[in-house]
């Protein structure tokens, strides 16, 4: 779970970095914005996947502990 939490934190930081870069790149043209937006969407999807996996693991741990 610690590994997933670390990856989630990195993804959150990357999303914030990309959001700032998008704001700064508003005058650079739509292709730059589209590329940055695509990268940000990939990071958001990865973050969603990691959050779901974390929840699954937390539930499995909770079930295992309740069975003891």
N, C-alpha and C. Protein backbone atom coordinates (compact mmCIF):
# COMPACT_ATOMS: atom_id res chain seq x y z
N UNK A 1 0.82 -1.20 0.00
CA UNK A 1 0.00 0.00 0.00
C UNK A 1 0.86 1.26 0.00
N UNK A 2 2.01 1.18 0.70
CA UNK A 2 2.90 2.34 0.72
C UNK A 2 3.38 2.69 -0.67
N UNK A 3 3.66 1.67 -1.47
CA UNK A 3 4.11 1.90 -2.84
C UNK A 3 3.03 2.62 -3.64
N UNK A 4 1.79 2.18 -3.49
CA UNK A 4 0.68 2.81 -4.21
C UNK A 4 0.50 4.25 -3.73
N UNK A 5 0.59 4.47 -2.41
CA UNK A 5 0.44 5.83 -1.88
C UNK A 5 1.53 6.75 -2.42
N UNK A 6 2.76 6.26 -2.50
CA UNK A 6 3.85 7.06 -3.06
C UNK A 6 3.59 7.42 -4.51
N UNK A 7 3.13 6.44 -5.28
CA UNK A 7 2.83 6.70 -6.69
C UNK A 7 1.68 7.69 -6.84
N UNK A 8 0.68 7.58 -5.96
CA UNK A 8 -0.45 8.52 -6.01
C UNK A 8 0.03 9.94 -5.73
N UNK A 9 0.91 10.12 -4.76
CA UNK A 9 1.44 11.45 -4.45
C UNK A 9 2.21 12.02 -5.64
N UNK A 10 3.01 11.19 -6.28
CA UNK A 10 3.76 11.64 -7.45
C UNK A 10 2.83 12.05 -8.59
N UNK A 11 1.78 11.26 -8.79
CA UNK A 11 0.81 11.59 -9.83
C UNK A 11 0.08 12.89 -9.53
N UNK A 12 -0.28 13.10 -8.27
CA UNK A 12 -0.94 14.36 -7.89
C UNK A 12 -0.04 15.55 -8.17
N UNK A 13 1.23 15.43 -7.83
CA UNK A 13 2.18 16.51 -8.09
C UNK A 13 2.34 16.75 -9.59
N UNK A 14 2.38 15.67 -10.37
CA UNK A 14 2.51 15.80 -11.82
C UNK A 14 1.28 16.47 -12.42
N UNK A 15 0.11 16.15 -11.91
CA UNK A 15 -1.13 16.78 -12.39
C UNK A 15 -1.09 18.28 -12.11
N UNK A 16 -0.68 18.67 -10.93
CA UNK A 16 -0.59 20.09 -10.59
C UNK A 16 0.43 20.78 -11.50
N UNK A 17 1.57 20.11 -11.72
CA UNK A 17 2.60 20.68 -12.60
C UNK A 17 2.05 20.88 -14.01
N UNK A 18 1.33 19.90 -14.50
CA UNK A 18 0.77 20.01 -15.86
C UNK A 18 -0.31 21.08 -15.92
N UNK A 19 -1.12 21.20 -14.88
CA UNK A 19 -2.14 22.26 -14.86
C UNK A 19 -1.49 23.63 -14.94
N UNK A 20 -0.42 23.82 -14.19
CA UNK A 20 0.30 25.10 -14.23
C UNK A 20 0.91 25.34 -15.60
N UNK A 21 1.47 24.29 -16.17
CA UNK A 21 2.09 24.42 -17.50
C UNK A 21 1.03 24.76 -18.55
N UNK A 22 -0.16 24.19 -18.41
CA UNK A 22 -1.25 24.51 -19.34
C UNK A 22 -1.61 25.99 -19.24
N UNK A 23 -1.71 26.49 -18.01
CA UNK A 23 -2.01 27.91 -17.82
C UNK A 23 -0.94 28.80 -18.43
N UNK A 24 0.31 28.41 -18.26
CA UNK A 24 1.43 29.21 -18.78
C UNK A 24 1.54 29.11 -20.29
N UNK A 25 1.01 28.04 -20.88
CA UNK A 25 1.17 27.79 -22.31
C UNK A 25 -0.03 28.20 -23.13
N UNK A 26 -0.91 28.98 -22.56
CA UNK A 26 -2.14 29.36 -23.25
C UNK A 26 -1.89 30.03 -24.59
N UNK A 27 -0.78 30.73 -24.72
CA UNK A 27 -0.49 31.46 -25.96
C UNK A 27 0.36 30.65 -26.94
N UNK A 28 0.68 29.42 -26.62
CA UNK A 28 1.59 28.63 -27.46
C UNK A 28 0.88 27.83 -28.55
N UNK A 29 -0.41 27.89 -28.59
CA UNK A 29 -1.13 27.19 -29.66
C UNK A 29 -1.85 25.96 -29.14
N UNK A 30 -2.82 25.55 -29.93
CA UNK A 30 -3.68 24.46 -29.49
C UNK A 30 -2.96 23.12 -29.45
N UNK A 31 -1.94 22.92 -30.30
CA UNK A 31 -1.25 21.62 -30.30
C UNK A 31 -0.50 21.39 -28.99
N UNK A 32 0.12 22.45 -28.47
CA UNK A 32 0.82 22.35 -27.19
C UNK A 32 -0.18 22.09 -26.09
N UNK A 33 -1.28 22.82 -26.10
CA UNK A 33 -2.31 22.63 -25.08
C UNK A 33 -2.92 21.23 -25.16
N UNK A 34 -3.15 20.75 -26.37
CA UNK A 34 -3.72 19.42 -26.54
C UNK A 34 -2.77 18.35 -26.00
N UNK A 35 -1.48 18.51 -26.27
CA UNK A 35 -0.49 17.55 -25.79
C UNK A 35 -0.44 17.54 -24.26
N UNK A 36 -0.41 18.72 -23.67
CA UNK A 36 -0.37 18.81 -22.21
C UNK A 36 -1.64 18.26 -21.58
N UNK A 37 -2.77 18.55 -22.21
CA UNK A 37 -4.05 18.05 -21.70
C UNK A 37 -4.10 16.53 -21.78
N UNK A 38 -3.60 15.97 -22.88
CA UNK A 38 -3.56 14.51 -23.01
C UNK A 38 -2.70 13.89 -21.90
N UNK A 39 -1.54 14.48 -21.65
CA UNK A 39 -0.65 13.98 -20.60
C UNK A 39 -1.33 14.06 -19.24
N UNK A 40 -2.02 15.17 -19.00
CA UNK A 40 -2.71 15.34 -17.73
C UNK A 40 -3.83 14.31 -17.58
N UNK A 41 -4.57 14.05 -18.64
CA UNK A 41 -5.64 13.07 -18.59
C UNK A 41 -5.11 11.67 -18.32
N UNK A 42 -3.96 11.34 -18.89
CA UNK A 42 -3.34 10.04 -18.63
C UNK A 42 -2.97 9.94 -17.14
N UNK A 43 -2.40 11.00 -16.59
CA UNK A 43 -2.04 11.01 -15.17
C UNK A 43 -3.27 10.87 -14.29
N UNK A 44 -4.34 11.56 -14.66
CA UNK A 44 -5.58 11.47 -13.87
C UNK A 44 -6.15 10.07 -13.92
N UNK A 45 -6.08 9.43 -15.08
CA UNK A 45 -6.59 8.05 -15.19
C UNK A 45 -5.73 7.10 -14.35
N UNK A 46 -4.41 7.28 -14.40
CA UNK A 46 -3.52 6.46 -13.59
C UNK A 46 -3.81 6.67 -12.11
N UNK A 47 -4.05 7.91 -11.72
CA UNK A 47 -4.37 8.21 -10.32
C UNK A 47 -5.67 7.52 -9.92
N UNK A 48 -6.68 7.60 -10.76
CA UNK A 48 -7.95 6.92 -10.48
C UNK A 48 -7.73 5.41 -10.30
N UNK A 49 -6.92 4.83 -11.18
CA UNK A 49 -6.64 3.40 -11.09
C UNK A 49 -5.93 3.05 -9.79
N UNK A 50 -4.95 3.87 -9.41
CA UNK A 50 -4.21 3.63 -8.16
C UNK A 50 -5.13 3.77 -6.95
N UNK A 51 -6.02 4.77 -6.98
CA UNK A 51 -6.95 4.96 -5.87
C UNK A 51 -7.89 3.76 -5.73
N UNK A 52 -8.36 3.23 -6.84
CA UNK A 52 -9.23 2.06 -6.80
C UNK A 52 -8.47 0.86 -6.25
N UNK A 53 -7.24 0.68 -6.67
CA UNK A 53 -6.43 -0.44 -6.18
C UNK A 53 -6.18 -0.29 -4.68
N UNK A 54 -5.90 0.94 -4.24
CA UNK A 54 -5.68 1.19 -2.82
C UNK A 54 -6.92 0.81 -2.01
N UNK A 55 -8.10 1.20 -2.51
CA UNK A 55 -9.35 0.85 -1.82
C UNK A 55 -9.55 -0.66 -1.76
N UNK A 56 -9.25 -1.33 -2.86
CA UNK A 56 -9.37 -2.79 -2.88
C UNK A 56 -8.47 -3.43 -1.84
N UNK A 57 -7.23 -2.96 -1.76
CA UNK A 57 -6.29 -3.50 -0.77
C UNK A 57 -6.73 -3.20 0.65
N UNK A 58 -7.23 -1.99 0.87
CA UNK A 58 -7.69 -1.61 2.21
C UNK A 58 -8.84 -2.51 2.64
N UNK A 59 -9.76 -2.79 1.73
CA UNK A 59 -10.88 -3.67 2.04
C UNK A 59 -10.40 -5.08 2.33
N UNK A 60 -9.44 -5.57 1.55
CA UNK A 60 -8.91 -6.92 1.76
C UNK A 60 -8.22 -7.02 3.11
N UNK A 61 -7.47 -5.99 3.49
CA UNK A 61 -6.80 -5.98 4.79
C UNK A 61 -7.83 -5.97 5.91
N UNK A 62 -8.84 -5.14 5.75
CA UNK A 62 -9.90 -5.06 6.76
C UNK A 62 -10.61 -6.41 6.94
N UNK A 63 -10.89 -7.08 5.82
CA UNK A 63 -11.54 -8.39 5.90
C UNK A 63 -10.63 -9.41 6.58
N UNK A 64 -9.36 -9.39 6.22
CA UNK A 64 -8.41 -10.34 6.82
C UNK A 64 -8.29 -10.12 8.32
N UNK A 65 -8.28 -8.86 8.73
CA UNK A 65 -8.16 -8.56 10.16
C UNK A 65 -9.43 -8.95 10.91
N UNK A 66 -10.58 -8.82 10.29
CA UNK A 66 -11.83 -9.17 10.96
C UNK A 66 -12.01 -10.68 11.10
N UNK A 67 -11.33 -11.44 10.24
CA UNK A 67 -11.40 -12.90 10.30
C UNK A 67 -10.54 -13.48 11.41
N UNK A 68 -9.65 -12.69 11.95
CA UNK A 68 -8.74 -13.19 12.99
C UNK A 68 -9.42 -13.38 14.27
